[in-house]
């Protein structure tokens, strides 16, 4: 069977991959309280800057977080629109007979 990439499904796969790591889940939990400076996140997780940068980049590429630069500091926050889309994708894939599963079984 030929594989067709459905944009919503591709986005969901990338987001679910981003959510598959405990450090990234901890980052999202910290960001639930609002925007945080990367230095605060580093301190809160007792993680090295390069390790944290990797995880934040993964979350950003999945669209789950957004960033802004202020001087030499970078601030991160949740992207509520993407979080809602991914929550919807999860609900869709766990509910029988959704359209993106058409032709599956």
PDB file of N, CA and C in Angstrom:
ATOM      1  N   UNK A   1       0.846  -1.171   0.000  1.00  0.00           N
ATOM      2  CA  UNK A   1       0.000   0.000   0.000  1.00  0.00           C
ATOM      3  C   UNK A   1       0.892   1.234   0.000  1.00  0.00           C
ATOM      4  N   UNK A   2       0.584   2.176  -0.858  1.00  0.00           N
ATOM      5  CA  UNK A   2       1.353   3.418  -0.929  1.00  0.00           C
ATOM      6  C   UNK A   2       1.032   4.282   0.279  1.00  0.00           C
ATOM      7  N   UNK A   3       2.059   4.916   0.798  1.00  0.00           N
ATOM      8  CA  UNK A   3       1.879   5.785   1.957  1.00  0.00           C
ATOM      9  C   UNK A   3       1.688   7.218   1.508  1.00  0.00           C
ATOM     10  N   UNK A   4       0.616   7.824   1.964  1.00  0.00           N
ATOM     11  CA  UNK A   4       0.365   9.233   1.685  1.00  0.00           C
ATOM     12  C   UNK A   4       0.492  10.005   2.975  1.00  0.00           C
ATOM     13  N   UNK A   5       1.239  11.090   2.919  1.00  0.00           N
ATOM     14  CA  UNK A   5       1.412  11.918   4.120  1.00  0.00           C
ATOM     15  C   UNK A   5       0.255  12.893   4.215  1.00  0.00           C
ATOM     16  N   UNK A   6      -0.557  12.723   5.209  1.00  0.00           N
ATOM     17  CA  UNK A   6      -1.645  13.646   5.494  1.00  0.00           C
ATOM     18  C   UNK A   6      -1.062  14.736   6.382  1.00  0.00           C
ATOM     19  N   UNK A   7      -1.178  16.021   5.988  1.00  0.00           N
ATOM     20  CA  UNK A   7      -0.540  17.085   6.783  1.00  0.00           C
ATOM     21  C   UNK A   7      -0.862  17.037   8.268  1.00  0.00           C
ATOM     22  N   UNK A   8      -2.132  16.843   8.622  1.00  0.00           N
ATOM     23  CA  UNK A   8      -2.485  16.814  10.039  1.00  0.00           C
ATOM     24  C   UNK A   8      -1.823  15.628  10.739  1.00  0.00           C
ATOM     25  N   UNK A   9      -1.769  14.494  10.042  1.00  0.00           N
ATOM     26  CA  UNK A   9      -1.160  13.309  10.623  1.00  0.00           C
ATOM     27  C   UNK A   9       0.344  13.496  10.783  1.00  0.00           C
ATOM     28  N   UNK A  10       0.984  14.120   9.803  1.00  0.00           N
ATOM     29  CA  UNK A  10       2.417  14.389   9.880  1.00  0.00           C
ATOM     30  C   UNK A  10       2.732  15.311  11.049  1.00  0.00           C
ATOM     31  N   UNK A  11       1.917  16.349  11.231  1.00  0.00           N
ATOM     32  CA  UNK A  11       2.097  17.253  12.370  1.00  0.00           C
ATOM     33  C   UNK A  11       1.921  16.511  13.691  1.00  0.00           C
ATOM     34  N   UNK A  12       0.923  15.640  13.739  1.00  0.00           N
ATOM     35  CA  UNK A  12       0.672  14.886  14.969  1.00  0.00           C
ATOM     36  C   UNK A  12       1.841  13.963  15.283  1.00  0.00           C
ATOM     37  N   UNK A  13       2.382  13.304  14.263  1.00  0.00           N
ATOM     38  CA  UNK A  13       3.516  12.409  14.480  1.00  0.00           C
ATOM     39  C   UNK A  13       4.694  13.180  15.061  1.00  0.00           C
ATOM     40  N   UNK A  14       4.984  14.341  14.502  1.00  0.00           N
ATOM     41  CA  UNK A  14       6.099  15.150  14.995  1.00  0.00           C
ATOM     42  C   UNK A  14       5.844  15.599  16.440  1.00  0.00           C
ATOM     43  N   UNK A  15       4.615  16.000  16.724  1.00  0.00           N
ATOM     44  CA  UNK A  15       4.294  16.444  18.083  1.00  0.00           C
ATOM     45  C   UNK A  15       4.351  15.283  19.074  1.00  0.00           C
ATOM     46  N   UNK A  16       3.814  14.126  18.683  1.00  0.00           N
ATOM     47  CA  UNK A  16       3.847  12.982  19.589  1.00  0.00           C
ATOM     48  C   UNK A  16       5.279  12.528  19.846  1.00  0.00           C
ATOM     49  N   UNK A  17       6.138  12.629  18.837  1.00  0.00           N
ATOM     50  CA  UNK A  17       7.559  12.333  19.056  1.00  0.00           C
ATOM     51  C   UNK A  17       8.133  13.311  20.083  1.00  0.00           C
ATOM     52  N   UNK A  18       7.811  14.585  19.934  1.00  0.00           N
ATOM     53  CA  UNK A  18       8.314  15.598  20.872  1.00  0.00           C
ATOM     54  C   UNK A  18       7.826  15.325  22.290  1.00  0.00           C
ATOM     55  N   UNK A  19       6.638  14.747  22.402  1.00  0.00           N
ATOM     56  CA  UNK A  19       6.063  14.459  23.717  1.00  0.00           C
ATOM     57  C   UNK A  19       6.565  13.148  24.313  1.00  0.00           C
ATOM     58  N   UNK A  20       7.393  12.430  23.586  1.00  0.00           N
ATOM     59  CA  UNK A  20       7.807  11.095  24.029  1.00  0.00           C
ATOM     60  C   UNK A  20       9.025  11.089  24.956  1.00  0.00           C
ATOM     61  N   UNK A  21       9.471  12.248  25.362  1.00  0.00           N
ATOM     62  CA  UNK A  21      10.669  12.328  26.197  1.00  0.00           C
ATOM     63  C   UNK A  21      10.329  12.970  27.543  1.00  0.00           C
ATOM     64  N   UNK A  22      10.778  12.377  28.654  1.00  0.00           N
ATOM     65  CA  UNK A  22      10.464  12.938  29.973  1.00  0.00           C
ATOM     66  C   UNK A  22      10.959  14.367  30.170  1.00  0.00           C
ATOM     67  N   UNK A  23      12.126  14.694  29.651  1.00  0.00           N
ATOM     68  CA  UNK A  23      12.645  16.063  29.807  1.00  0.00           C
ATOM     69  C   UNK A  23      11.742  17.060  29.087  1.00  0.00           C
ATOM     70  N   UNK A  24      11.300  16.707  27.892  1.00  0.00           N
ATOM     71  CA  UNK A  24      10.421  17.619  27.147  1.00  0.00           C
ATOM     72  C   UNK A  24       9.075  17.766  27.844  1.00  0.00           C
ATOM     73  N   UNK A  25       8.583  16.694  28.429  1.00  0.00           N
ATOM     74  CA  UNK A  25       7.329  16.800  29.193  1.00  0.00           C
ATOM     75  C   UNK A  25       7.508  17.698  30.413  1.00  0.00           C
ATOM     76  N   UNK A  26       8.664  17.604  31.054  1.00  0.00           N
ATOM     77  CA  UNK A  26       8.947  18.487  32.190  1.00  0.00           C
ATOM     78  C   UNK A  26       8.996  19.947  31.730  1.00  0.00           C
ATOM     79  N   UNK A  27       9.603  20.191  30.585  1.00  0.00           N
ATOM     80  CA  UNK A  27       9.658  21.556  30.051  1.00  0.00           C
ATOM     81  C   UNK A  27       8.256  22.098  29.807  1.00  0.00           C
ATOM     82  N   UNK A  28       7.401  21.290  29.201  1.00  0.00           N
ATOM     83  CA  UNK A  28       6.032  21.732  28.950  1.00  0.00           C
ATOM     84  C   UNK A  28       5.294  22.007  30.252  1.00  0.00           C
ATOM     85  N   UNK A  29       5.533  21.163  31.241  1.00  0.00           N
ATOM     86  CA  UNK A  29       4.898  21.385  32.545  1.00  0.00           C
ATOM     87  C   UNK A  29       5.342  22.721  33.147  1.00  0.00           C
ATOM     88  N   UNK A  30       6.621  23.027  33.044  1.00  0.00           N
ATOM     89  CA  UNK A  30       7.117  24.306  33.559  1.00  0.00           C
ATOM     90  C   UNK A  30       6.515  25.486  32.796  1.00  0.00           C
ATOM     91  N   UNK A  31       6.322  25.319  31.500  1.00  0.00           N
ATOM     92  CA  UNK A  31       5.796  26.408  30.672  1.00  0.00           C
ATOM     93  C   UNK A  31       4.291  26.596  30.837  1.00  0.00           C
ATOM     94  N   UNK A  32       3.627  25.632  31.461  1.00  0.00           N
ATOM     95  CA  UNK A  32       2.190  25.801  31.730  1.00  0.00           C
ATOM     96  C   UNK A  32       1.951  27.019  32.609  1.00  0.00           C
ATOM     97  N   UNK A  33       2.926  27.363  33.418  1.00  0.00           N
ATOM     98  CA  UNK A  33       2.799  28.507  34.317  1.00  0.00           C
ATOM     99  C   UNK A  33       3.078  29.843  33.641  1.00  0.00           C
ATOM    100  N   UNK A  34       3.399  29.819  32.352  1.00  0.00           N
ATOM    101  CA  UNK A  34       3.674  31.059  31.624  1.00  0.00           C
ATOM    102  C   UNK A  34       5.077  31.060  31.042  1.00  0.00           C
ATOM    103  N   UNK A  35       5.395  32.151  30.414  1.00  0.00           N
ATOM    104  CA  UNK A  35       6.680  32.309  29.735  1.00  0.00           C
ATOM    105  C   UNK A  35       7.841  32.201  30.727  1.00  0.00           C
ATOM    106  N   UNK A  36       8.899  31.534  30.291  1.00  0.00           N
ATOM    107  CA  UNK A  36      10.082  31.379  31.136  1.00  0.00           C
ATOM    108  C   UNK A  36      11.346  31.639  30.337  1.00  0.00           C
ATOM    109  N   UNK A  37      12.309  32.234  30.990  1.00  0.00           N
ATOM    110  CA  UNK A  37      13.625  32.444  30.403  1.00  0.00           C
ATOM    111  C   UNK A  37      14.344  31.092  30.361  1.00  0.00           C
ATOM    112  N   UNK A  38      15.143  30.902  29.336  1.00  0.00           N
ATOM    113  CA  UNK A  38      15.867  29.641  29.217  1.00  0.00           C
ATOM    114  C   UNK A  38      16.761  29.407  30.436  1.00  0.00           C
ATOM    115  N   UNK A  39      17.258  30.457  31.044  1.00  0.00           N
ATOM    116  CA  UNK A  39      18.091  30.276  32.245  1.00  0.00           C
ATOM    117  C   UNK A  39      17.255  29.708  33.398  1.00  0.00           C
ATOM    118  N   UNK A  40      15.995  30.114  33.515  1.00  0.00           N
ATOM    119  CA  UNK A  40      15.115  29.561  34.545  1.00  0.00           C
ATOM    120  C   UNK A  40      14.863  28.073  34.305  1.00  0.00           C
ATOM    121  N   UNK A  41      14.657  27.714  33.039  1.00  0.00           N
ATOM    122  CA  UNK A  41      14.408  26.317  32.696  1.00  0.00           C
ATOM    123  C   UNK A  41      15.629  25.465  32.985  1.00  0.00           C
ATOM    124  N   UNK A  42      16.806  25.997  32.672  1.00  0.00           N
ATOM    125  CA  UNK A  42      18.054  25.285  32.935  1.00  0.00           C
ATOM    126  C   UNK A  42      18.197  25.021  34.424  1.00  0.00           C
ATOM    127  N   UNK A  43      17.942  26.043  35.239  1.00  0.00           N
ATOM    128  CA  UNK A  43      18.043  25.885  36.695  1.00  0.00           C
ATOM    129  C   UNK A  43      16.993  24.907  37.224  1.00  0.00           C
ATOM    130  N   UNK A  44      15.761  25.038  36.745  1.00  0.00           N
ATOM    131  CA  UNK A  44      14.671  24.201  37.250  1.00  0.00           C
ATOM    132  C   UNK A  44      14.901  22.723  36.962  1.00  0.00           C
ATOM    133  N   UNK A  45      15.529  22.417  35.838  1.00  0.00           N
ATOM    134  CA  UNK A  45      15.763  21.019  35.475  1.00  0.00           C
ATOM    135  C   UNK A  45      17.174  20.546  35.805  1.00  0.00           C
ATOM    136  N   UNK A  46      18.000  21.463  36.303  1.00  0.00           N
ATOM    137  CA  UNK A  46      19.402  21.133  36.584  1.00  0.00           C
ATOM    138  C   UNK A  46      20.031  20.437  35.382  1.00  0.00           C
ATOM    139  N   UNK A  47      19.808  21.041  34.209  1.00  0.00           N
ATOM    140  CA  UNK A  47      20.287  20.452  32.956  1.00  0.00           C
ATOM    141  C   UNK A  47      21.286  21.389  32.305  1.00  0.00           C
ATOM    142  N   UNK A  48      22.165  20.813  31.547  1.00  0.00           N
ATOM    143  CA  UNK A  48      23.117  21.614  30.794  1.00  0.00           C
ATOM    144  C   UNK A  48      22.429  22.386  29.686  1.00  0.00           C
ATOM    145  N   UNK A  49      22.997  23.528  29.339  1.00  0.00           N
ATOM    146  CA  UNK A  49      22.393  24.401  28.333  1.00  0.00           C
ATOM    147  C   UNK A  49      22.278  23.714  26.971  1.00  0.00           C
ATOM    148  N   UNK A  50      23.282  22.967  26.560  1.00  0.00           N
ATOM    149  CA  UNK A  50      23.229  22.330  25.242  1.00  0.00           C
ATOM    150  C   UNK A  50      22.171  21.232  25.203  1.00  0.00           C
ATOM    151  N   UNK A  51      22.039  20.477  26.282  1.00  0.00           N
ATOM    152  CA  UNK A  51      21.006  19.437  26.353  1.00  0.00           C
ATOM    153  C   UNK A  51      19.620  20.064  26.316  1.00  0.00           C
ATOM    154  N   UNK A  52      19.450  21.135  27.069  1.00  0.00           N
ATOM    155  CA  UNK A  52      18.160  21.809  27.103  1.00  0.00           C
ATOM    156  C   UNK A  52      17.834  22.442  25.753  1.00  0.00           C
ATOM    157  N   UNK A  53      18.817  23.003  25.095  1.00  0.00           N
ATOM    158  CA  UNK A  53      18.602  23.593  23.771  1.00  0.00           C
ATOM    159  C   UNK A  53      18.096  22.565  22.776  1.00  0.00           C
ATOM    160  N   UNK A  54      18.655  21.358  22.826  1.00  0.00           N
ATOM    161  CA  UNK A  54      18.198  20.279  21.950  1.00  0.00           C
ATOM    162  C   UNK A  54      16.717  19.994  22.177  1.00  0.00           C
ATOM    163  N   UNK A  55      16.318  19.860  23.430  1.00  0.00           N
ATOM    164  CA  UNK A  55      14.926  19.541  23.753  1.00  0.00           C
ATOM    165  C   UNK A  55      13.992  20.693  23.390  1.00  0.00           C
ATOM    166  N   UNK A  56      14.398  21.905  23.660  1.00  0.00           N
ATOM    167  CA  UNK A  56      13.566  23.059  23.302  1.00  0.00           C
ATOM    168  C   UNK A  56      13.418  23.184  21.790  1.00  0.00           C
ATOM    169  N   UNK A  57      14.487  22.896  21.055  1.00  0.00           N
ATOM    170  CA  UNK A  57      14.404  22.936  19.594  1.00  0.00           C
ATOM    171  C   UNK A  57      13.416  21.881  19.082  1.00  0.00           C
ATOM    172  N   UNK A  58      13.434  20.700  19.667  1.00  0.00           N
ATOM    173  CA  UNK A  58      12.502  19.641  19.277  1.00  0.00           C
ATOM    174  C   UNK A  58      11.065  20.083  19.523  1.00  0.00           C
ATOM    175  N   UNK A  59      10.808  20.681  20.675  1.00  0.00           N
ATOM    176  CA  UNK A  59       9.463  21.176  20.983  1.00  0.00           C
ATOM    177  C   UNK A  59       9.061  22.315  20.048  1.00  0.00           C
ATOM    178  N   UNK A  60      10.001  23.168  19.730  1.00  0.00           N
ATOM    179  CA  UNK A  60       9.726  24.294  18.833  1.00  0.00           C
ATOM    180  C   UNK A  60       9.426  23.800  17.418  1.00  0.00           C
ATOM    181  N   UNK A  61      10.213  22.838  16.926  1.00  0.00           N
ATOM    182  CA  UNK A  61       9.982  22.290  15.591  1.00  0.00           C
ATOM    183  C   UNK A  61       8.624  21.604  15.495  1.00  0.00           C
ATOM    184  N   UNK A  62       8.153  21.048  16.604  1.00  0.00           N
ATOM    185  CA  UNK A  62       6.829  20.427  16.643  1.00  0.00           C
ATOM    186  C   UNK A  62       5.726  21.465  16.809  1.00  0.00           C
ATOM    187  N   UNK A  63       6.116  22.717  17.001  1.00  0.00           N
ATOM    188  CA  UNK A  63       5.132  23.792  17.144  1.00  0.00           C
ATOM    189  C   UNK A  63       4.524  23.908  18.523  1.00  0.00           C
ATOM    190  N   UNK A  64       5.019  23.133  19.477  1.00  0.00           N
ATOM    191  CA  UNK A  64       4.436  23.136  20.814  1.00  0.00           C
ATOM    192  C   UNK A  64       4.867  24.325  21.653  1.00  0.00           C
ATOM    193  N   UNK A  65       6.030  24.891  21.359  1.00  0.00           N
ATOM    194  CA  UNK A  65       6.491  26.079  22.072  1.00  0.00           C
ATOM    195  C   UNK A  65       6.915  27.152  21.074  1.00  0.00           C
ATOM    196  N   UNK A  66       6.888  28.358  21.533  1.00  0.00           N
ATOM    197  CA  UNK A  66       7.352  29.512  20.769  1.00  0.00           C
ATOM    198  C   UNK A  66       8.414  30.210  21.595  1.00  0.00           C
ATOM    199  N   UNK A  67       9.264  30.967  20.927  1.00  0.00           N
ATOM    200  CA  UNK A  67      10.299  31.685  21.662  1.00  0.00           C
ATOM    201  C   UNK A  67      10.371  33.125  21.201  1.00  0.00           C
ATOM    202  N   UNK A  68      11.012  33.921  22.024  1.00  0.00           N
ATOM    203  CA  UNK A  68      11.297  35.313  21.661  1.00  0.00           C
ATOM    204  C   UNK A  68      12.617  35.682  22.313  1.00  0.00           C
ATOM    205  N   UNK A  69      13.358  36.517  21.640  1.00  0.00           N
ATOM    206  CA  UNK A  69      14.655  36.954  22.148  1.00  0.00           C
ATOM    207  C   UNK A  69      14.508  38.365  22.714  1.00  0.00           C
ATOM    208  N   UNK A  70      15.093  38.564  23.872  1.00  0.00           N
ATOM    209  CA  UNK A  70      15.143  39.885  24.486  1.00  0.00           C
ATOM    210  C   UNK A  70      16.586  40.090  24.946  1.00  0.00           C
ATOM    211  N   UNK A  71      17.318  40.878  24.176  1.00  0.00           N
ATOM    212  CA  UNK A  71      18.741  41.040  24.466  1.00  0.00           C
ATOM    213  C   UNK A  71      19.452  39.729  24.255  1.00  0.00           C
ATOM    214  N   UNK A  72      20.164  39.281  25.261  1.00  0.00           N
ATOM    215  CA  UNK A  72      20.872  38.008  25.116  1.00  0.00           C
ATOM    216  C   UNK A  72      20.075  36.828  25.658  1.00  0.00           C
ATOM    217  N   UNK A  73      18.875  37.064  26.169  1.00  0.00           N
ATOM    218  CA  UNK A  73      18.054  36.008  26.748  1.00  0.00           C
ATOM    219  C   UNK A  73      16.983  35.558  25.772  1.00  0.00           C
ATOM    220  N   UNK A  74      16.642  34.281  25.855  1.00  0.00           N
ATOM    221  CA  UNK A  74      15.563  33.717  25.051  1.00  0.00           C
ATOM    222  C   UNK A  74      14.479  33.241  26.012  1.00  0.00           C
ATOM    223  N   UNK A  75      13.253  33.606  25.714  1.00  0.00           N
ATOM    224  CA  UNK A  75      12.102  33.244  26.529  1.00  0.00           C
ATOM    225  C   UNK A  75      11.219  32.279  25.749  1.00  0.00           C
ATOM    226  N   UNK A  76      10.709  31.272  26.443  1.00  0.00           N
ATOM    227  CA  UNK A  76       9.863  30.253  25.825  1.00  0.00           C
ATOM    228  C   UNK A  76       8.485  30.274  26.453  1.00  0.00           C
ATOM    229  N   UNK A  77       7.483  29.915  25.645  1.00  0.00           N
ATOM    230  CA  UNK A  77       6.098  29.819  26.107  1.00  0.00           C
ATOM    231  C   UNK A  77       5.401  28.741  25.294  1.00  0.00           C
ATOM    232  N   UNK A  78       4.319  28.221  25.837  1.00  0.00           N
ATOM    233  CA  UNK A  78       3.522  27.243  25.105  1.00  0.00           C
ATOM    234  C   UNK A  78       2.842  27.912  23.912  1.00  0.00           C
ATOM    235  N   UNK A  79       2.611  27.146  22.877  1.00  0.00           N
ATOM    236  CA  UNK A  79       1.826  27.592  21.726  1.00  0.00           C
ATOM    237  C   UNK A  79       0.444  26.963  21.886  1.00  0.00           C
ATOM    238  N   UNK A  80      -0.524  27.693  22.458  1.00  0.00           N
ATOM    239  CA  UNK A  80      -1.817  27.090  22.794  1.00  0.00           C
ATOM    240  C   UNK A  80      -2.577  26.546  21.580  1.00  0.00           C
ATOM    241  N   UNK A  81      -2.426  27.162  20.425  1.00  0.00           N
ATOM    242  CA  UNK A  81      -3.135  26.682  19.240  1.00  0.00           C
ATOM    243  C   UNK A  81      -2.650  25.281  18.852  1.00  0.00           C
ATOM    244  N   UNK A  82      -1.340  25.067  18.863  1.00  0.00           N
ATOM    245  CA  UNK A  82      -0.802  23.756  18.509  1.00  0.00           C
ATOM    246  C   UNK A  82      -1.138  22.724  19.581  1.00  0.00           C
ATOM    247  N   UNK A  83      -1.093  23.130  20.834  1.00  0.00           N
ATOM    248  CA  UNK A  83      -1.448  22.212  21.915  1.00  0.00           C
ATOM    249  C   UNK A  83      -2.886  21.740  21.727  1.00  0.00           C
ATOM    250  N   UNK A  84      -3.787  22.643  21.370  1.00  0.00           N
ATOM    251  CA  UNK A  84      -5.187  22.269  21.134  1.00  0.00           C
ATOM    252  C   UNK A  84      -5.322  21.359  19.919  1.00  0.00           C
ATOM    253  N   UNK A  85      -4.574  21.647  18.843  1.00  0.00           N
ATOM    254  CA  UNK A  85      -4.628  20.787  17.646  1.00  0.00           C
ATOM    255  C   UNK A  85      -4.167  19.372  17.978  1.00  0.00           C
ATOM    256  N   UNK A  86      -3.099  19.265  18.745  1.00  0.00           N
ATOM    257  CA  UNK A  86      -2.565  17.944  19.082  1.00  0.00           C
ATOM    258  C   UNK A  86      -3.527  17.210  20.015  1.00  0.00           C
ATOM    259  N   UNK A  87      -4.129  17.928  20.946  1.00  0.00           N
ATOM    260  CA  UNK A  87      -5.134  17.302  21.811  1.00  0.00           C
ATOM    261  C   UNK A  87      -6.289  16.782  20.961  1.00  0.00           C
ATOM    262  N   UNK A  88      -6.686  17.550  19.953  1.00  0.00           N
ATOM    263  CA  UNK A  88      -7.740  17.105  19.043  1.00  0.00           C
ATOM    264  C   UNK A  88      -7.327  15.900  18.227  1.00  0.00           C
ATOM    265  N   UNK A  89      -6.074  15.877  17.782  1.00  0.00           N
ATOM    266  CA  UNK A  89      -5.570  14.731  17.014  1.00  0.00           C
ATOM    267  C   UNK A  89      -5.568  13.473  17.875  1.00  0.00           C
ATOM    268  N   UNK A  90      -5.191  13.614  19.134  1.00  0.00           N
ATOM    269  CA  UNK A  90      -5.206  12.470  20.035  1.00  0.00           C
ATOM    270  C   UNK A  90      -6.634  11.969  20.232  1.00  0.00           C
ATOM    271  N   UNK A  91      -7.559  12.891  20.440  1.00  0.00           N
ATOM    272  CA  UNK A  91      -8.959  12.500  20.597  1.00  0.00           C
ATOM    273  C   UNK A  91      -9.463  11.815  19.324  1.00  0.00           C
ATOM    274  N   UNK A  92      -9.086  12.342  18.160  1.00  0.00           N
ATOM    275  CA  UNK A  92      -9.519  11.754  16.891  1.00  0.00           C
ATOM    276  C   UNK A  92      -8.975  10.344  16.709  1.00  0.00           C
ATOM    277  N   UNK A  93      -7.700  10.143  17.020  1.00  0.00           N
ATOM    278  CA  UNK A  93      -7.121   8.822  16.772  1.00  0.00           C
ATOM    279  C   UNK A  93      -7.610   7.789  17.772  1.00  0.00           C
ATOM    280  N   UNK A  94      -8.184   8.242  18.865  1.00  0.00           N
ATOM    281  CA  UNK A  94      -8.690   7.303  19.874  1.00  0.00           C
ATOM    282  C   UNK A  94     -10.204   7.141  19.799  1.00  0.00           C
ATOM    283  N   UNK A  95     -10.826   7.794  18.827  1.00  0.00           N
ATOM    284  CA  UNK A  95     -12.264   7.702  18.632  1.00  0.00           C
ATOM    285  C   UNK A  95     -12.516   6.919  17.338  1.00  0.00           C
ATOM    286  N   UNK A  96     -13.324   5.896  17.379  1.00  0.00           N
ATOM    287  CA  UNK A  96     -13.563   5.091  16.175  1.00  0.00           C
ATOM    288  C   UNK A  96     -14.149   5.905  15.021  1.00  0.00           C
ATOM    289  N   UNK A  97     -13.795   5.467  13.808  1.00  0.00           N
ATOM    290  CA  UNK A  97     -14.370   5.972  12.567  1.00  0.00           C
ATOM    291  C   UNK A  97     -14.087   7.429  12.292  1.00  0.00           C
ATOM    292  N   UNK A  98     -12.897   7.908  12.586  1.00  0.00           N
ATOM    293  CA  UNK A  98     -12.522   9.272  12.223  1.00  0.00           C
ATOM    294  C   UNK A  98     -12.028   9.280  10.788  1.00  0.00           C
ATOM    295  N   UNK A  99     -12.175  10.398  10.113  1.00  0.00           N
ATOM    296  CA  UNK A  99     -11.907  10.476   8.685  1.00  0.00           C
ATOM    297  C   UNK A  99     -10.450  10.243   8.329  1.00  0.00           C
ATOM    298  N   UNK A 100      -9.492  10.614   9.158  1.00  0.00           N
ATOM    299  CA  UNK A 100      -8.099  10.435   8.772  1.00  0.00           C
ATOM    300  C   UNK A 100      -7.662   8.988   8.818  1.00  0.00           C
ATOM    301  N   UNK A 101      -8.522   8.117   9.410  1.00  0.00           N
ATOM    302  CA  UNK A 101      -8.234   6.692   9.409  1.00  0.00           C
ATOM    303  C   UNK A 101      -8.897   5.977   8.225  1.00  0.00           C
ATOM    304  N   UNK A 102      -9.602   6.735   7.385  1.00  0.00           N
ATOM    305  CA  UNK A 102     -10.357   6.148   6.278  1.00  0.00           C
ATOM    306  C   UNK A 102      -9.454   5.270   5.426  1.00  0.00           C
ATOM    307  N   UNK A 103      -9.933   4.118   5.121  1.00  0.00           N
ATOM    308  CA  UNK A 103      -9.183   3.201   4.289  1.00  0.00           C
ATOM    309  C   UNK A 103      -8.171   2.374   5.067  1.00  0.00           C
ATOM    310  N   UNK A 104      -8.152   2.528   6.355  1.00  0.00           N
ATOM    311  CA  UNK A 104      -7.140   1.838   7.159  1.00  0.00           C
ATOM    312  C   UNK A 104      -7.468   0.363   7.311  1.00  0.00           C
ATOM    313  N   UNK A 105      -8.608   0.036   7.832  1.00  0.00           N
ATOM    314  CA  UNK A 105      -8.917  -1.373   8.139  1.00  0.00           C
ATOM    315  C   UNK A 105     -10.282  -1.750   7.630  1.00  0.00           C
TER     316      UNK A 105
END
